[in-house]
């Protein structure tokens, strides 16, 4: 089994610089590491839906979703695509978060 550090690097949570720029990009690595540890602790449970949580973690890495822990449960909220660099060119409604917090693999609660 790979270490959390190795998984974070292999899955692109940590990006090492090339060229003259020496800044390591790891904005989502610390929380991603915590999520990986939590997922590993939950996988032995028979009802645990591993695939849904891995998809949620991937969306988090791609900045398409938010994740949070609440009462030792990982919750997920899909946000959609990021429009970095084009602020003000679209309606304010286009950047709003869609859905509400729920467990990955479950339908979001109705508003």
N, C-alpha and C. Protein backbone atom coordinates (compact mmCIF):
# COMPACT_ATOMS: atom_id res chain seq x y z
N UNK A 1 0.85 -1.17 0.00
CA UNK A 1 0.00 0.00 0.00
C UNK A 1 0.90 1.24 0.00
N UNK A 2 0.59 2.19 -0.87
CA UNK A 2 1.38 3.42 -0.97
C UNK A 2 1.16 4.31 0.25
N UNK A 3 2.18 5.09 0.56
CA UNK A 3 2.02 6.06 1.64
C UNK A 3 1.15 7.20 1.15
N UNK A 4 0.57 7.93 2.08
CA UNK A 4 -0.26 9.08 1.73
C UNK A 4 0.55 10.09 0.93
N UNK A 5 1.78 10.31 1.34
CA UNK A 5 2.67 11.24 0.62
C UNK A 5 2.84 10.81 -0.83
N UNK A 6 3.11 9.52 -1.05
CA UNK A 6 3.27 9.02 -2.42
C UNK A 6 1.98 9.18 -3.23
N UNK A 7 0.84 8.89 -2.60
CA UNK A 7 -0.44 9.06 -3.29
C UNK A 7 -0.69 10.52 -3.67
N UNK A 8 -0.37 11.43 -2.77
CA UNK A 8 -0.57 12.85 -3.05
C UNK A 8 0.28 13.30 -4.24
N UNK A 9 1.49 12.82 -4.31
CA UNK A 9 2.37 13.19 -5.43
C UNK A 9 1.88 12.52 -6.71
N UNK A 10 1.60 11.22 -6.65
CA UNK A 10 1.18 10.48 -7.85
C UNK A 10 -0.13 10.98 -8.42
N UNK A 11 -1.02 11.46 -7.57
CA UNK A 11 -2.34 11.91 -8.03
C UNK A 11 -2.39 13.40 -8.33
N UNK A 12 -1.26 14.08 -8.24
CA UNK A 12 -1.19 15.48 -8.65
C UNK A 12 -1.59 16.49 -7.61
N UNK A 13 -1.71 16.09 -6.34
CA UNK A 13 -2.00 17.06 -5.29
C UNK A 13 -0.77 17.91 -4.98
N UNK A 14 0.41 17.38 -5.23
CA UNK A 14 1.67 18.09 -5.02
C UNK A 14 2.37 18.17 -6.36
N UNK A 15 2.69 19.39 -6.77
CA UNK A 15 3.36 19.60 -8.06
C UNK A 15 4.68 20.30 -7.80
N UNK A 16 5.76 19.66 -8.22
CA UNK A 16 7.09 20.21 -8.02
C UNK A 16 7.46 21.12 -9.18
N UNK A 17 8.24 22.15 -8.89
CA UNK A 17 8.57 23.14 -9.92
C UNK A 17 9.53 22.60 -10.97
N UNK A 18 9.45 23.23 -12.12
CA UNK A 18 10.43 22.99 -13.17
C UNK A 18 11.00 24.34 -13.56
N UNK A 19 12.20 24.38 -13.99
CA UNK A 19 12.81 25.64 -14.40
C UNK A 19 13.23 26.48 -13.21
N UNK A 20 13.10 27.79 -13.35
CA UNK A 20 13.58 28.72 -12.33
C UNK A 20 12.61 28.90 -11.17
N UNK A 21 11.35 28.59 -11.37
CA UNK A 21 10.36 28.75 -10.31
C UNK A 21 10.54 27.62 -9.29
N UNK A 22 10.76 27.97 -8.04
CA UNK A 22 11.01 26.93 -7.03
C UNK A 22 9.86 26.77 -6.04
N UNK A 23 8.67 27.23 -6.39
CA UNK A 23 7.53 27.09 -5.51
C UNK A 23 6.81 25.77 -5.77
N UNK A 24 6.63 25.00 -4.71
CA UNK A 24 5.90 23.75 -4.80
C UNK A 24 4.41 24.07 -4.67
N UNK A 25 3.61 23.57 -5.59
CA UNK A 25 2.16 23.79 -5.54
C UNK A 25 1.52 22.63 -4.80
N UNK A 26 0.89 22.93 -3.68
CA UNK A 26 0.25 21.88 -2.89
C UNK A 26 -0.94 22.43 -2.12
N UNK A 27 -1.73 23.30 -2.76
CA UNK A 27 -2.83 23.97 -2.07
C UNK A 27 -3.82 22.98 -1.44
N UNK A 28 -4.09 21.90 -2.11
CA UNK A 28 -5.11 20.96 -1.66
C UNK A 28 -4.52 19.69 -1.04
N UNK A 29 -3.21 19.65 -0.91
CA UNK A 29 -2.55 18.42 -0.45
C UNK A 29 -2.82 18.11 1.02
N UNK A 30 -2.84 19.11 1.89
CA UNK A 30 -2.99 18.82 3.32
C UNK A 30 -4.37 18.25 3.62
N UNK A 31 -5.41 18.90 3.11
CA UNK A 31 -6.75 18.36 3.34
C UNK A 31 -6.94 17.06 2.56
N UNK A 32 -6.38 16.98 1.35
CA UNK A 32 -6.45 15.75 0.57
C UNK A 32 -5.83 14.58 1.31
N UNK A 33 -4.71 14.81 2.00
CA UNK A 33 -4.07 13.77 2.80
C UNK A 33 -4.97 13.31 3.93
N UNK A 34 -5.65 14.26 4.56
CA UNK A 34 -6.57 13.91 5.64
C UNK A 34 -7.73 13.07 5.10
N UNK A 35 -8.23 13.43 3.93
CA UNK A 35 -9.33 12.69 3.31
C UNK A 35 -8.88 11.27 2.96
N UNK A 36 -7.67 11.12 2.41
CA UNK A 36 -7.16 9.79 2.06
C UNK A 36 -7.07 8.91 3.31
N UNK A 37 -6.56 9.46 4.39
CA UNK A 37 -6.47 8.69 5.65
C UNK A 37 -7.87 8.28 6.13
N UNK A 38 -8.83 9.19 6.04
CA UNK A 38 -10.20 8.89 6.47
C UNK A 38 -10.81 7.79 5.59
N UNK A 39 -10.61 7.90 4.28
CA UNK A 39 -11.13 6.89 3.36
C UNK A 39 -10.52 5.52 3.68
N UNK A 40 -9.21 5.49 3.93
CA UNK A 40 -8.56 4.22 4.27
C UNK A 40 -9.15 3.61 5.53
N UNK A 41 -9.51 4.44 6.50
CA UNK A 41 -10.09 3.91 7.74
C UNK A 41 -11.51 3.39 7.54
N UNK A 42 -12.20 3.89 6.52
CA UNK A 42 -13.59 3.51 6.27
C UNK A 42 -13.74 2.33 5.30
N UNK A 43 -12.72 2.04 4.50
CA UNK A 43 -12.86 1.00 3.47
C UNK A 43 -13.20 -0.39 4.02
N UNK A 44 -12.79 -0.78 5.22
CA UNK A 44 -13.19 -2.11 5.71
C UNK A 44 -14.69 -2.24 5.99
N UNK A 45 -15.41 -1.13 6.13
CA UNK A 45 -16.83 -1.18 6.42
C UNK A 45 -17.58 -1.67 5.17
N UNK A 46 -18.42 -2.69 5.30
CA UNK A 46 -19.05 -3.31 4.13
C UNK A 46 -19.94 -2.36 3.31
N UNK A 47 -20.58 -1.40 3.94
CA UNK A 47 -21.49 -0.51 3.22
C UNK A 47 -20.79 0.72 2.64
N UNK A 48 -19.50 0.84 2.85
CA UNK A 48 -18.76 2.01 2.39
C UNK A 48 -18.61 1.97 0.87
N UNK A 49 -19.02 3.05 0.18
CA UNK A 49 -18.97 3.15 -1.28
C UNK A 49 -17.67 3.86 -1.69
N UNK A 50 -16.60 3.11 -1.81
CA UNK A 50 -15.28 3.66 -2.09
C UNK A 50 -15.26 4.49 -3.37
N UNK A 51 -15.87 4.00 -4.42
CA UNK A 51 -15.85 4.70 -5.71
C UNK A 51 -16.41 6.12 -5.60
N UNK A 52 -17.51 6.30 -4.91
CA UNK A 52 -18.11 7.63 -4.77
C UNK A 52 -17.17 8.60 -4.05
N UNK A 53 -16.49 8.12 -3.03
CA UNK A 53 -15.58 8.99 -2.28
C UNK A 53 -14.34 9.32 -3.09
N UNK A 54 -13.87 8.38 -3.91
CA UNK A 54 -12.72 8.67 -4.77
C UNK A 54 -13.08 9.69 -5.84
N UNK A 55 -14.29 9.60 -6.38
CA UNK A 55 -14.76 10.60 -7.35
C UNK A 55 -14.84 11.97 -6.68
N UNK A 56 -15.39 12.03 -5.47
CA UNK A 56 -15.48 13.30 -4.75
C UNK A 56 -14.09 13.88 -4.50
N UNK A 57 -13.14 13.03 -4.13
CA UNK A 57 -11.77 13.49 -3.91
C UNK A 57 -11.15 14.02 -5.20
N UNK A 58 -11.43 13.36 -6.32
CA UNK A 58 -10.93 13.82 -7.61
C UNK A 58 -11.53 15.18 -7.96
N UNK A 59 -12.83 15.36 -7.76
CA UNK A 59 -13.46 16.66 -8.02
C UNK A 59 -12.87 17.74 -7.13
N UNK A 60 -12.56 17.38 -5.87
CA UNK A 60 -11.93 18.34 -4.96
C UNK A 60 -10.56 18.74 -5.51
N UNK A 61 -9.78 17.76 -5.95
CA UNK A 61 -8.44 18.04 -6.49
C UNK A 61 -8.53 18.96 -7.70
N UNK A 62 -9.55 18.78 -8.54
CA UNK A 62 -9.72 19.59 -9.74
C UNK A 62 -10.41 20.92 -9.46
N UNK A 63 -10.69 21.21 -8.19
CA UNK A 63 -11.34 22.45 -7.77
C UNK A 63 -12.77 22.54 -8.32
N UNK A 64 -13.43 21.41 -8.45
CA UNK A 64 -14.81 21.37 -8.91
C UNK A 64 -15.78 21.14 -7.76
N UNK A 65 -15.26 20.81 -6.57
CA UNK A 65 -16.11 20.51 -5.44
C UNK A 65 -15.43 20.92 -4.14
N UNK A 66 -16.24 21.06 -3.11
CA UNK A 66 -15.76 21.32 -1.76
C UNK A 66 -15.97 20.06 -0.94
N UNK A 67 -15.08 19.82 -0.01
CA UNK A 67 -15.21 18.73 0.94
C UNK A 67 -15.08 19.29 2.33
N UNK A 68 -15.75 18.66 3.30
CA UNK A 68 -15.58 19.05 4.69
C UNK A 68 -15.92 17.85 5.57
N UNK A 69 -15.36 17.87 6.77
CA UNK A 69 -15.68 16.86 7.77
C UNK A 69 -16.70 17.46 8.73
N UNK A 70 -17.70 16.65 9.04
CA UNK A 70 -18.70 17.06 10.02
C UNK A 70 -19.11 15.82 10.80
N UNK A 71 -18.88 15.83 12.10
CA UNK A 71 -19.19 14.69 12.97
C UNK A 71 -18.59 13.39 12.44
N UNK A 72 -17.30 13.43 12.10
CA UNK A 72 -16.54 12.30 11.57
C UNK A 72 -17.14 11.72 10.29
N UNK A 73 -17.80 12.55 9.52
CA UNK A 73 -18.34 12.14 8.22
C UNK A 73 -17.82 13.11 7.18
N UNK A 74 -17.42 12.60 6.03
CA UNK A 74 -16.94 13.43 4.93
C UNK A 74 -18.14 13.84 4.09
N UNK A 75 -18.32 15.14 3.94
CA UNK A 75 -19.42 15.68 3.14
C UNK A 75 -18.87 16.37 1.91
N UNK A 76 -19.71 16.46 0.89
CA UNK A 76 -19.31 16.87 -0.45
C UNK A 76 -20.31 17.89 -0.98
N UNK A 77 -19.80 18.86 -1.74
CA UNK A 77 -20.68 19.82 -2.41
C UNK A 77 -20.06 20.15 -3.76
N UNK A 78 -20.77 19.84 -4.84
CA UNK A 78 -20.28 20.12 -6.18
C UNK A 78 -20.39 21.61 -6.46
N UNK A 79 -19.33 22.20 -7.02
CA UNK A 79 -19.31 23.63 -7.33
C UNK A 79 -19.31 23.91 -8.82
N UNK A 80 -18.83 23.00 -9.62
CA UNK A 80 -18.75 23.23 -11.05
C UNK A 80 -17.41 23.79 -11.44
N UNK A 81 -17.31 24.25 -12.67
CA UNK A 81 -16.03 24.71 -13.19
C UNK A 81 -15.65 26.07 -12.64
N UNK A 82 -14.38 26.30 -12.56
CA UNK A 82 -13.83 27.56 -12.10
C UNK A 82 -13.57 28.46 -13.31
N UNK A 83 -13.89 29.72 -13.17
CA UNK A 83 -13.70 30.66 -14.27
C UNK A 83 -12.58 31.63 -13.93
N UNK A 84 -11.48 31.12 -13.43
CA UNK A 84 -10.36 31.97 -13.04
C UNK A 84 -9.86 32.80 -14.21
N UNK A 85 -9.64 34.09 -13.96
CA UNK A 85 -9.10 34.97 -14.97
C UNK A 85 -10.14 35.63 -15.85
N UNK A 86 -11.41 35.22 -15.71
CA UNK A 86 -12.45 35.85 -16.52
C UNK A 86 -13.56 36.43 -15.63
N UNK A 87 -13.20 36.83 -14.42
CA UNK A 87 -14.18 37.42 -13.52
C UNK A 87 -14.80 38.65 -14.17
N UNK A 88 -16.09 38.80 -13.97
CA UNK A 88 -16.80 39.96 -14.49
C UNK A 88 -17.27 39.79 -15.93
N UNK A 89 -16.87 38.72 -16.60
CA UNK A 89 -17.30 38.52 -17.98
C UNK A 89 -18.57 37.69 -18.08
N UNK A 90 -18.98 37.10 -16.97
CA UNK A 90 -20.19 36.29 -16.95
C UNK A 90 -21.11 36.78 -15.85
N UNK A 91 -22.32 36.31 -15.88
CA UNK A 91 -23.29 36.66 -14.86
C UNK A 91 -22.80 36.18 -13.50
N UNK A 92 -23.14 36.92 -12.47
CA UNK A 92 -22.78 36.52 -11.11
C UNK A 92 -23.37 35.15 -10.77
N UNK A 93 -24.52 34.83 -11.34
CA UNK A 93 -25.17 33.55 -11.05
C UNK A 93 -24.37 32.36 -11.57
N UNK A 94 -23.53 32.56 -12.59
CA UNK A 94 -22.78 31.46 -13.18
C UNK A 94 -21.72 30.89 -12.24
N UNK A 95 -21.24 31.67 -11.28
CA UNK A 95 -20.18 31.22 -10.38
C UNK A 95 -20.69 30.67 -9.06
N UNK A 96 -21.98 30.65 -8.84
CA UNK A 96 -22.51 30.24 -7.55
C UNK A 96 -22.44 28.73 -7.37
N UNK A 97 -22.25 28.31 -6.13
CA UNK A 97 -22.22 26.90 -5.80
C UNK A 97 -23.58 26.28 -6.04
N UNK A 98 -23.56 25.11 -6.65
CA UNK A 98 -24.81 24.39 -6.86
C UNK A 98 -24.90 23.25 -5.87
N UNK A 99 -26.09 22.98 -5.40
CA UNK A 99 -26.28 21.88 -4.47
C UNK A 99 -25.90 22.25 -3.06
N UNK A 100 -26.12 21.29 -2.17
CA UNK A 100 -25.77 21.50 -0.78
C UNK A 100 -24.93 20.32 -0.30
N UNK A 101 -24.47 20.38 0.92
CA UNK A 101 -23.58 19.35 1.46
C UNK A 101 -24.31 18.03 1.59
N UNK A 102 -23.66 16.95 1.18
CA UNK A 102 -24.21 15.61 1.30
C UNK A 102 -23.07 14.59 1.22
N UNK A 103 -23.38 13.35 1.52
CA UNK A 103 -22.37 12.29 1.40
C UNK A 103 -22.16 11.95 -0.08
N UNK A 104 -20.93 11.72 -0.49
CA UNK A 104 -20.72 11.27 -1.86
C UNK A 104 -21.50 9.99 -2.13
N UNK A 105 -22.06 9.89 -3.32
CA UNK A 105 -22.84 8.71 -3.68
C UNK A 105 -24.32 8.86 -3.36
N UNK A 106 -24.68 9.90 -2.61
CA UNK A 106 -26.08 10.17 -2.31
C UNK A 106 -26.54 11.38 -3.08
N UNK A 107 -27.81 11.45 -3.39
CA UNK A 107 -28.35 12.62 -4.07
C UNK A 107 -28.33 13.81 -3.11
N UNK A 108 -28.01 15.01 -3.63
CA UNK A 108 -28.03 16.17 -2.75
C UNK A 108 -29.43 16.44 -2.23
N UNK A 109 -29.53 16.98 -1.02
CA UNK A 109 -30.86 17.28 -0.47
C UNK A 109 -31.56 18.33 -1.32
N UNK A 110 -32.85 18.24 -1.39
CA UNK A 110 -33.64 19.23 -2.14
C UNK A 110 -33.66 20.55 -1.39
N UNK A 111 -33.53 21.67 -2.14
CA UNK A 111 -33.54 22.99 -1.46
C UNK A 111 -34.89 23.32 -0.88
